[in-house]
Amino acid sequence: MSERYEYVPHRLLRRHVRDIASGAEGELMAVINENVSDSVAHEHWIRLAYVRGVSGREFTTAVANIEPASDQPQTGRGRRDEKSA
């Protein structure tokens, strides 16, 4: 099996971002292609964003869920509101 992960450049690295899935904000620390397969025969790679929140703890989310955060918190955005609409 090849390496389990590789770093990927991203235009928002070290910038303040928002995870649209949860609404959480923080600094984008890394974007990584990660092999999450448990099989040598069938590798499965996903691209994850590592975000450090205001508490200092990092969380991951899909790269597609990352957007630049504005200076003002925005309410009423995200998937939860889209489902109820």
Protein backbone atom coordinates (compact mmCIF):
# COMPACT_ATOMS: atom_id res chain seq x y z
CA MET A 1 0.00 0.00 0.00
CA SER A 2 1.25 3.49 -0.76
CA GLU A 3 1.46 6.37 1.72
CA ARG A 4 -1.66 6.83 3.83
CA TYR A 5 -1.86 10.60 3.30
CA GLU A 6 -0.42 13.52 1.35
CA TYR A 7 -0.62 17.28 1.90
CA VAL A 8 -2.47 19.33 -0.73
CA PRO A 9 -2.05 23.08 -1.38
CA HIS A 10 -5.18 25.18 -0.85
CA ARG A 11 -5.88 28.89 -1.41
CA LEU A 12 -7.38 29.32 2.08
CA LEU A 13 -4.53 27.82 4.13
CA ARG A 14 -3.85 29.86 7.28
CA ARG A 15 -7.02 31.89 6.65
CA HIS A 16 -10.17 32.22 8.75
CA VAL A 17 -12.78 29.78 7.36
CA ARG A 18 -16.25 28.44 8.10
CA ASP A 19 -17.41 24.83 7.87
CA ILE A 20 -20.78 25.15 6.14
CA ALA A 21 -21.90 21.76 7.48
CA SER A 22 -21.61 22.73 11.16
CA GLY A 23 -21.22 26.52 11.08
CA ALA A 24 -17.99 26.22 13.10
CA GLU A 25 -15.20 28.67 12.29
CA GLY A 26 -11.45 28.60 12.66
CA GLU A 27 -8.12 28.68 10.84
CA LEU A 28 -7.52 26.23 7.99
CA MET A 29 -4.36 24.42 9.07
CA ALA A 30 -4.02 21.74 6.37
CA VAL A 31 -5.72 19.98 3.50
CA ILE A 32 -4.83 16.31 3.22
CA ASN A 33 -5.62 13.52 0.79
CA GLU A 34 -6.06 10.57 3.12
CA ASN A 35 -6.28 6.89 2.26
CA VAL A 36 -9.13 5.61 4.43
CA SER A 37 -9.19 2.15 2.86
CA ASP A 38 -8.75 -0.96 4.95
CA SER A 39 -7.92 -2.97 1.83
CA VAL A 40 -4.69 -3.11 -0.14
CA ALA A 41 -6.58 -4.03 -3.30
CA HIS A 42 -9.04 -1.13 -3.26
CA GLU A 43 -7.61 2.16 -2.05
CA HIS A 44 -10.13 4.86 -1.14
CA TRP A 45 -8.82 8.43 -0.90
CA ILE A 46 -10.72 11.39 0.54
CA ARG A 47 -9.72 15.04 0.84
CA LEU A 48 -10.07 16.45 4.35
CA ALA A 49 -9.69 19.96 5.69
CA TYR A 50 -8.16 20.35 9.16
CA VAL A 51 -9.50 23.45 10.90
CA ARG A 52 -8.32 24.78 14.27
CA GLY A 53 -11.26 26.27 16.11
CA VAL A 54 -11.16 29.13 18.60
CA SER A 55 -10.77 26.63 21.46
CA GLY A 56 -7.50 25.42 19.94
CA ARG A 57 -8.90 22.00 19.07
CA GLU A 58 -8.79 20.88 15.46
CA PHE A 59 -11.65 19.27 13.60
CA THR A 60 -11.95 17.83 10.13
CA THR A 61 -14.51 18.35 7.43
CA ALA A 62 -14.79 17.78 3.70
CA VAL A 63 -12.84 20.34 1.69
CA ALA A 64 -16.02 21.15 -0.23
CA ASN A 65 -17.56 22.38 3.06
CA ILE A 66 -14.93 25.09 3.58
CA GLU A 67 -15.63 28.71 2.72
CA PRO A 68 -13.93 31.98 3.72
CA ALA A 69 -15.44 33.35 6.90
CA SER A 70 -16.56 36.94 7.04
CA ASP A 71 -15.75 39.21 9.96
CA GLN A 72 -19.33 39.06 11.18
CA PRO A 73 -20.93 35.76 12.20
CA GLN A 74 -23.77 34.85 9.89
CA THR A 75 -26.90 33.17 11.17
CA GLY A 76 -29.47 31.28 9.19
CA ARG A 77 -26.93 29.72 6.81
CA GLY A 78 -25.96 26.12 6.29
CA ARG A 79 -27.53 22.81 5.51
CA ARG A 80 -29.86 22.72 8.49
CA ASP A 81 -31.73 25.77 7.24
CA GLU A 82 -31.83 24.48 3.67
CA LYS A 83 -33.52 21.25 4.82
CA SER A 84 -36.25 23.13 6.63
CA ALA A 85 -36.91 25.52 3.76
